[in-house]
Amino acid sequence: MLSEILQWPTATHLDDVPSTTEIEHALRQTAFGKSPGIDGIPSEVLENGRPTLLDQLRKLFCVIWEQESVPRDFKDAHL
């Protein structure tokens, strides 16, 4: 019975380090005109600084990815 269930291939691309394209896509989905979060960085700064920030964010995310440890500040949210 279980052998009849269609199996999807393993999504190995999820093991890859986040790409610049993925980071840029995430930045494009940021809502503008909203209050900044706990970091105090307005979304407009992320939008206007995109060319410079993309490389720096990718480096940061690569370190996080390789260490397999997300900084606590990334996990905290204040509502």
PDB file of N, CA and C in Angstrom:
ATOM      1  N   MET A   1       0.810  -1.185   0.000  1.00  0.00           N
ATOM      2  CA  MET A   1       0.000   0.000   0.000  1.00  0.00           C
ATOM      3  C   MET A   1       0.863   1.262   0.000  1.00  0.00           C
ATOM      4  N   LEU A   2       1.866   1.355   0.883  1.00  0.00           N
ATOM      5  CA  LEU A   2       2.745   2.519   0.893  1.00  0.00           C
ATOM      6  C   LEU A   2       3.555   2.623  -0.392  1.00  0.00           C
ATOM      7  N   SER A   3       3.868   1.504  -0.993  1.00  0.00           N
ATOM      8  CA  SER A   3       4.654   1.515  -2.229  1.00  0.00           C
ATOM      9  C   SER A   3       3.890   2.155  -3.387  1.00  0.00           C
ATOM     10  N   GLU A   4       2.591   2.305  -3.235  1.00  0.00           N
ATOM     11  CA  GLU A   4       1.768   2.915  -4.281  1.00  0.00           C
ATOM     12  C   GLU A   4       1.752   4.438  -4.198  1.00  0.00           C
ATOM     13  N   ILE A   5       2.234   4.992  -3.088  1.00  0.00           N
ATOM     14  CA  ILE A   5       2.239   6.445  -2.911  1.00  0.00           C
ATOM     15  C   ILE A   5       3.386   7.046  -3.716  1.00  0.00           C
ATOM     16  N   LEU A   6       3.053   8.056  -4.507  1.00  0.00           N
ATOM     17  CA  LEU A   6       4.049   8.744  -5.330  1.00  0.00           C
ATOM     18  C   LEU A   6       5.104   9.399  -4.442  1.00  0.00           C
ATOM     19  N   GLN A   7       6.355   9.162  -4.745  1.00  0.00           N
ATOM     20  CA  GLN A   7       7.467   9.734  -3.977  1.00  0.00           C
ATOM     21  C   GLN A   7       8.095  10.880  -4.751  1.00  0.00           C
ATOM     22  N   TRP A   8       8.255  12.005  -4.100  1.00  0.00           N
ATOM     23  CA  TRP A   8       8.926  13.144  -4.712  1.00  0.00           C
ATOM     24  C   TRP A   8      10.427  12.982  -4.534  1.00  0.00           C
ATOM     25  N   PRO A   9      11.220  13.494  -5.489  1.00  0.00           N
ATOM     26  CA  PRO A   9      12.671  13.422  -5.314  1.00  0.00           C
ATOM     27  C   PRO A   9      13.100  14.310  -4.137  1.00  0.00           C
ATOM     28  N   THR A  10      14.192  13.930  -3.517  1.00  0.00           N
ATOM     29  CA  THR A  10      14.718  14.703  -2.396  1.00  0.00           C
ATOM     30  C   THR A  10      15.149  16.084  -2.887  1.00  0.00           C
ATOM     31  N   ALA A  11      14.769  17.123  -2.144  1.00  0.00           N
ATOM     32  CA  ALA A  11      15.088  18.508  -2.505  1.00  0.00           C
ATOM     33  C   ALA A  11      16.471  18.862  -1.952  1.00  0.00           C
ATOM     34  N   THR A  12      17.517  18.390  -2.610  1.00  0.00           N
ATOM     35  CA  THR A  12      18.880  18.613  -2.127  1.00  0.00           C
ATOM     36  C   THR A  12      19.309  20.070  -2.238  1.00  0.00           C
ATOM     37  N   HIS A  13      18.640  20.853  -3.086  1.00  0.00           N
ATOM     38  CA  HIS A  13      19.007  22.272  -3.224  1.00  0.00           C
ATOM     39  C   HIS A  13      18.775  23.045  -1.924  1.00  0.00           C
ATOM     40  N   LEU A  14      17.987  22.489  -1.011  1.00  0.00           N
ATOM     41  CA  LEU A  14      17.747  23.156   0.264  1.00  0.00           C
ATOM     42  C   LEU A  14      18.972  23.122   1.165  1.00  0.00           C
ATOM     43  N   ASP A  15      19.964  22.311   0.805  1.00  0.00           N
ATOM     44  CA  ASP A  15      21.219  22.262   1.556  1.00  0.00           C
ATOM     45  C   ASP A  15      22.195  23.346   1.116  1.00  0.00           C
ATOM     46  N   ASP A  16      21.894  24.023   0.010  1.00  0.00           N
ATOM     47  CA  ASP A  16      22.802  25.023  -0.552  1.00  0.00           C
ATOM     48  C   ASP A  16      22.768  26.318   0.260  1.00  0.00           C
ATOM     49  N   VAL A  17      23.887  27.002   0.293  1.00  0.00           N
ATOM     50  CA  VAL A  17      23.982  28.314   0.929  1.00  0.00           C
ATOM     51  C   VAL A  17      23.034  29.267   0.201  1.00  0.00           C
ATOM     52  N   PRO A  18      22.344  30.161   0.924  1.00  0.00           N
ATOM     53  CA  PRO A  18      21.446  31.104   0.257  1.00  0.00           C
ATOM     54  C   PRO A  18      22.182  31.905  -0.819  1.00  0.00           C
ATOM     55  N   SER A  19      21.554  32.031  -1.969  1.00  0.00           N
ATOM     56  CA  SER A  19      22.180  32.750  -3.085  1.00  0.00           C
ATOM     57  C   SER A  19      21.859  34.237  -3.014  1.00  0.00           C
ATOM     58  N   THR A  20      22.640  35.010  -3.748  1.00  0.00           N
ATOM     59  CA  THR A  20      22.390  36.453  -3.834  1.00  0.00           C
ATOM     60  C   THR A  20      21.001  36.700  -4.407  1.00  0.00           C
ATOM     61  N   THR A  21      20.587  35.881  -5.364  1.00  0.00           N
ATOM     62  CA  THR A  21      19.263  36.025  -5.971  1.00  0.00           C
ATOM     63  C   THR A  21      18.164  35.813  -4.929  1.00  0.00           C
ATOM     64  N   GLU A  22      18.328  34.810  -4.064  1.00  0.00           N
ATOM     65  CA  GLU A  22      17.331  34.554  -3.021  1.00  0.00           C
ATOM     66  C   GLU A  22      17.272  35.711  -2.021  1.00  0.00           C
ATOM     67  N   ILE A  23      18.421  36.246  -1.664  1.00  0.00           N
ATOM     68  CA  ILE A  23      18.477  37.366  -0.721  1.00  0.00           C
ATOM     69  C   ILE A  23      17.821  38.595  -1.340  1.00  0.00           C
ATOM     70  N   GLU A  24      18.136  38.844  -2.608  1.00  0.00           N
ATOM     71  CA  GLU A  24      17.540  39.986  -3.299  1.00  0.00           C
ATOM     72  C   GLU A  24      16.024  39.826  -3.395  1.00  0.00           C
ATOM     73  N   HIS A  25      15.567  38.627  -3.672  1.00  0.00           N
ATOM     74  CA  HIS A  25      14.124  38.357  -3.743  1.00  0.00           C
ATOM     75  C   HIS A  25      13.457  38.650  -2.394  1.00  0.00           C
ATOM     76  N   ALA A  26      14.098  38.239  -1.305  1.00  0.00           N
ATOM     77  CA  ALA A  26      13.560  38.487   0.034  1.00  0.00           C
ATOM     78  C   ALA A  26      13.507  39.987   0.329  1.00  0.00           C
ATOM     79  N   LEU A  27      14.541  40.720  -0.073  1.00  0.00           N
ATOM     80  CA  LEU A  27      14.556  42.169   0.144  1.00  0.00           C
ATOM     81  C   LEU A  27      13.442  42.855  -0.641  1.00  0.00           C
ATOM     82  N   ARG A  28      13.155  42.366  -1.832  1.00  0.00           N
ATOM     83  CA  ARG A  28      12.087  42.956  -2.659  1.00  0.00           C
ATOM     84  C   ARG A  28      10.711  42.756  -2.028  1.00  0.00           C
ATOM     85  N   GLN A  29      10.563  41.754  -1.171  1.00  0.00           N
ATOM     86  CA  GLN A  29       9.278  41.472  -0.539  1.00  0.00           C
ATOM     87  C   GLN A  29       9.081  42.258   0.753  1.00  0.00           C
ATOM     88  N   THR A  30      10.081  43.052   1.123  1.00  0.00           N
ATOM     89  CA  THR A  30      10.001  43.842   2.345  1.00  0.00           C
ATOM     90  C   THR A  30       8.965  44.950   2.180  1.00  0.00           C
ATOM     91  N   ALA A  31       8.138  45.124   3.189  1.00  0.00           N
ATOM     92  CA  ALA A  31       7.125  46.176   3.162  1.00  0.00           C
ATOM     93  C   ALA A  31       7.776  47.521   3.491  1.00  0.00           C
ATOM     94  N   PHE A  32       7.445  48.541   2.724  1.00  0.00           N
ATOM     95  CA  PHE A  32       8.008  49.868   2.945  1.00  0.00           C
ATOM     96  C   PHE A  32       6.988  50.760   3.644  1.00  0.00           C
ATOM     97  N   GLY A  33       7.489  51.783   4.313  1.00  0.00           N
ATOM     98  CA  GLY A  33       6.619  52.709   5.012  1.00  0.00           C
ATOM     99  C   GLY A  33       6.189  52.197   6.378  1.00  0.00           C
ATOM    100  N   LYS A  34       6.757  51.098   6.822  1.00  0.00           N
ATOM    101  CA  LYS A  34       6.426  50.532   8.130  1.00  0.00           C
ATOM    102  C   LYS A  34       7.480  50.965   9.144  1.00  0.00           C
ATOM    103  N   SER A  35       7.146  50.858  10.409  1.00  0.00           N
ATOM    104  CA  SER A  35       8.104  51.169  11.460  1.00  0.00           C
ATOM    105  C   SER A  35       9.228  50.142  11.439  1.00  0.00           C
ATOM    106  N   PRO A  36      10.451  50.592  11.751  1.00  0.00           N
ATOM    107  CA  PRO A  36      11.562  49.627  11.796  1.00  0.00           C
ATOM    108  C   PRO A  36      11.379  48.641  12.940  1.00  0.00           C
ATOM    109  N   GLY A  37      12.029  47.505  12.811  1.00  0.00           N
ATOM    110  CA  GLY A  37      11.974  46.482  13.849  1.00  0.00           C
ATOM    111  C   GLY A  37      12.897  46.816  14.998  1.00  0.00           C
ATOM    112  N   ILE A  38      13.190  45.836  15.806  1.00  0.00           N
ATOM    113  CA  ILE A  38      14.021  46.022  16.997  1.00  0.00           C
ATOM    114  C   ILE A  38      15.425  46.510  16.632  1.00  0.00           C
ATOM    115  N   ASP A  39      15.875  46.186  15.403  1.00  0.00           N
ATOM    116  CA  ASP A  39      17.209  46.623  14.973  1.00  0.00           C
ATOM    117  C   ASP A  39      17.249  48.101  14.615  1.00  0.00           C
ATOM    118  N   GLY A  40      16.076  48.737  14.465  1.00  0.00           N
ATOM    119  CA  GLY A  40      16.002  50.158  14.162  1.00  0.00           C
ATOM    120  C   GLY A  40      16.324  50.496  12.718  1.00  0.00           C
ATOM    121  N   ILE A  41      16.451  49.502  11.852  1.00  0.00           N
ATOM    122  CA  ILE A  41      16.793  49.741  10.452  1.00  0.00           C
ATOM    123  C   ILE A  41      15.509  49.832   9.621  1.00  0.00           C
ATOM    124  N   PRO A  42      15.196  51.010   9.082  1.00  0.00           N
ATOM    125  CA  PRO A  42      14.003  51.133   8.236  1.00  0.00           C
ATOM    126  C   PRO A  42      14.167  50.318   6.950  1.00  0.00           C
ATOM    127  N   SER A  43      13.074  49.800   6.448  1.00  0.00           N
ATOM    128  CA  SER A  43      13.125  48.983   5.236  1.00  0.00           C
ATOM    129  C   SER A  43      13.656  49.773   4.040  1.00  0.00           C
ATOM    130  N   GLU A  44      13.485  51.087   4.061  1.00  0.00           N
ATOM    131  CA  GLU A  44      13.985  51.921   2.963  1.00  0.00           C
ATOM    132  C   GLU A  44      15.513  51.874   2.884  1.00  0.00           C
ATOM    133  N   VAL A  45      16.177  51.712   4.017  1.00  0.00           N
ATOM    134  CA  VAL A  45      17.640  51.591   4.020  1.00  0.00           C
ATOM    135  C   VAL A  45      18.036  50.309   3.293  1.00  0.00           C
ATOM    136  N   LEU A  46      17.312  49.238   3.554  1.00  0.00           N
ATOM    137  CA  LEU A  46      17.597  47.973   2.874  1.00  0.00           C
ATOM    138  C   LEU A  46      17.362  48.104   1.374  1.00  0.00           C
ATOM    139  N   GLU A  47      16.330  48.822   0.998  1.00  0.00           N
ATOM    140  CA  GLU A  47      16.019  49.000  -0.424  1.00  0.00           C
ATOM    141  C   GLU A  47      17.073  49.860  -1.113  1.00  0.00           C
ATOM    142  N   ASN A  48      17.397  50.996  -0.534  1.00  0.00           N
ATOM    143  CA  ASN A  48      18.327  51.931  -1.167  1.00  0.00           C
ATOM    144  C   ASN A  48      19.779  51.468  -1.093  1.00  0.00           C
ATOM    145  N   GLY A  49      20.095  50.635  -0.125  1.00  0.00           N
ATOM    146  CA  GLY A  49      21.462  50.150   0.012  1.00  0.00           C
ATOM    147  C   GLY A  49      21.667  48.778  -0.603  1.00  0.00           C
ATOM    148  N   ARG A  50      20.692  48.309  -1.371  1.00  0.00           N
ATOM    149  CA  ARG A  50      20.718  46.940  -1.882  1.00  0.00           C
ATOM    150  C   ARG A  50      22.024  46.539  -2.555  1.00  0.00           C
ATOM    151  N   PRO A  51      22.576  47.318  -3.487  1.00  0.00           N
ATOM    152  CA  PRO A  51      23.798  46.858  -4.165  1.00  0.00           C
ATOM    153  C   PRO A  51      24.945  46.550  -3.191  1.00  0.00           C
ATOM    154  N   THR A  52      25.136  47.393  -2.215  1.00  0.00           N
ATOM    155  CA  THR A  52      26.211  47.199  -1.244  1.00  0.00           C
ATOM    156  C   THR A  52      25.838  46.130  -0.228  1.00  0.00           C
ATOM    157  N   LEU A  53      24.597  46.154   0.211  1.00  0.00           N
ATOM    158  CA  LEU A  53      24.153  45.231   1.249  1.00  0.00           C
ATOM    159  C   LEU A  53      24.091  43.778   0.786  1.00  0.00           C
ATOM    160  N   LEU A  54      23.768  43.559  -0.469  1.00  0.00           N
ATOM    161  CA  LEU A  54      23.626  42.184  -0.956  1.00  0.00           C
ATOM    162  C   LEU A  54      24.869  41.351  -0.691  1.00  0.00           C
ATOM    163  N   ASP A  55      26.016  41.891  -1.017  1.00  0.00           N
ATOM    164  CA  ASP A  55      27.264  41.156  -0.822  1.00  0.00           C
ATOM    165  C   ASP A  55      27.531  40.921   0.664  1.00  0.00           C
ATOM    166  N   GLN A  56      27.295  41.947   1.484  1.00  0.00           N
ATOM    167  CA  GLN A  56      27.536  41.823   2.918  1.00  0.00           C
ATOM    168  C   GLN A  56      26.557  40.849   3.573  1.00  0.00           C
ATOM    169  N   LEU A  57      25.296  40.914   3.167  1.00  0.00           N
ATOM    170  CA  LEU A  57      24.309  39.988   3.713  1.00  0.00           C
ATOM    171  C   LEU A  57      24.629  38.552   3.317  1.00  0.00           C
ATOM    172  N   ARG A  58      25.062  38.367   2.084  1.00  0.00           N
ATOM    173  CA  ARG A  58      25.415  37.014   1.629  1.00  0.00           C
ATOM    174  C   ARG A  58      26.573  36.457   2.454  1.00  0.00           C
ATOM    175  N   LYS A  59      27.584  37.289   2.707  1.00  0.00           N
ATOM    176  CA  LYS A  59      28.716  36.851   3.543  1.00  0.00           C
ATOM    177  C   LYS A  59      28.238  36.465   4.943  1.00  0.00           C
ATOM    178  N   LEU A  60      27.380  37.297   5.526  1.00  0.00           N
ATOM    179  CA  LEU A  60      26.849  37.024   6.855  1.00  0.00           C
ATOM    180  C   LEU A  60      26.060  35.719   6.867  1.00  0.00           C
ATOM    181  N   PHE A  61      25.172  35.546   5.901  1.00  0.00           N
ATOM    182  CA  PHE A  61      24.343  34.338   5.847  1.00  0.00           C
ATOM    183  C   PHE A  61      25.178  33.093   5.587  1.00  0.00           C
ATOM    184  N   CYS A  62      26.255  33.226   4.830  1.00  0.00           N
ATOM    185  CA  CYS A  62      27.143  32.084   4.586  1.00  0.00           C
ATOM    186  C   CYS A  62      27.816  31.631   5.878  1.00  0.00           C
ATOM    187  N   VAL A  63      28.254  32.585   6.691  1.00  0.00           N
ATOM    188  CA  VAL A  63      28.875  32.247   7.978  1.00  0.00           C
ATOM    189  C   VAL A  63      27.852  31.548   8.871  1.00  0.00           C
ATOM    190  N   ILE A  64      26.653  32.093   8.939  1.00  0.00           N
ATOM    191  CA  ILE A  64      25.590  31.490   9.747  1.00  0.00           C
ATOM    192  C   ILE A  64      25.290  30.080   9.245  1.00  0.00           C
ATOM    193  N   TRP A  65      25.228  29.934   7.928  1.00  0.00           N
ATOM    194  CA  TRP A  65      24.917  28.637   7.311  1.00  0.00           C
ATOM    195  C   TRP A  65      25.992  27.600   7.651  1.00  0.00           C
ATOM    196  N   GLU A  66      27.255  28.014   7.532  1.00  0.00           N
ATOM    197  CA  GLU A  66      28.365  27.092   7.782  1.00  0.00           C
ATOM    198  C   GLU A  66      28.486  26.730   9.261  1.00  0.00           C
ATOM    199  N   GLN A  67      28.195  27.678  10.146  1.00  0.00           N
ATOM    200  CA  GLN A  67      28.279  27.415  11.585  1.00  0.00           C
ATOM    201  C   GLN A  67      27.044  26.684  12.103  1.00  0.00           C
ATOM    202  N   GLU A  68      25.989  26.694  11.291  1.00  0.00           N
ATOM    203  CA  GLU A  68      24.720  26.054  11.661  1.00  0.00           C
ATOM    204  C   GLU A  68      24.200  26.573  12.994  1.00  0.00           C
ATOM    205  N   SER A  69      24.360  27.883  13.186  1.00  0.00           N
ATOM    206  CA  SER A  69      23.903  28.517  14.417  1.00  0.00           C
ATOM    207  C   SER A  69      23.378  29.921  14.087  1.00  0.00           C
ATOM    208  N   VAL A  70      22.100  30.121  14.374  1.00  0.00           N
ATOM    209  CA  VAL A  70      21.484  31.419  14.114  1.00  0.00           C
ATOM    210  C   VAL A  70      21.684  32.310  15.334  1.00  0.00           C
ATOM    211  N   PRO A  71      22.186  33.545  15.146  1.00  0.00           N
ATOM    212  CA  PRO A  71      22.371  34.449  16.283  1.00  0.00           C
ATOM    213  C   PRO A  71      21.053  34.683  17.028  1.00  0.00           C
ATOM    214  N   ARG A  72      21.134  34.781  18.324  1.00  0.00           N
ATOM    215  CA  ARG A  72      19.937  34.961  19.146  1.00  0.00           C
ATOM    216  C   ARG A  72      19.143  36.195  18.713  1.00  0.00           C
ATOM    217  N   ASP A  73      19.836  37.268  18.349  1.00  0.00           N
ATOM    218  CA  ASP A  73      19.145  38.486  17.926  1.00  0.00           C
ATOM    219  C   ASP A  73      18.255  38.251  16.707  1.00  0.00           C
ATOM    220  N   PHE A  74      18.593  37.267  15.888  1.00  0.00           N
ATOM    221  CA  PHE A  74      17.781  36.955  14.716  1.00  0.00           C
ATOM    222  C   PHE A  74      16.505  36.205  15.130  1.00  0.00           C
ATOM    223  N   LYS A  75      16.534  35.598  16.300  1.00  0.00           N
ATOM    224  CA  LYS A  75      15.407  34.795  16.762  1.00  0.00           C
ATOM    225  C   LYS A  75      14.407  35.603  17.594  1.00  0.00           C
ATOM    226  N   ASP A  76      14.872  36.683  18.208  1.00  0.00           N
ATOM    227  CA  ASP A  76      14.015  37.470  19.094  1.00  0.00           C
ATOM    228  C   ASP A  76      13.076  38.346  18.289  1.00  0.00           C
ATOM    229  N   ALA A  77      11.854  38.436  18.758  1.00  0.00           N
ATOM    230  CA  ALA A  77      10.853  39.318  18.141  1.00  0.00           C
ATOM    231  C   ALA A  77      10.106  40.031  19.256  1.00  0.00           C
ATOM    232  N   HIS A  78       9.836  41.282  19.038  1.00  0.00           N
ATOM    233  CA  HIS A  78       9.070  42.068  20.010  1.00  0.00           C
ATOM    234  C   HIS A  78       7.774  42.488  19.343  1.00  0.00           C
ATOM    235  N   LEU A  79       6.673  42.136  19.969  1.00  0.00           N
ATOM    236  CA  LEU A  79       5.366  42.456  19.405  1.00  0.00           C
ATOM    237  C   LEU A  79       4.720  43.590  20.164  1.00  0.00           C
TER     238      LEU A  79
END
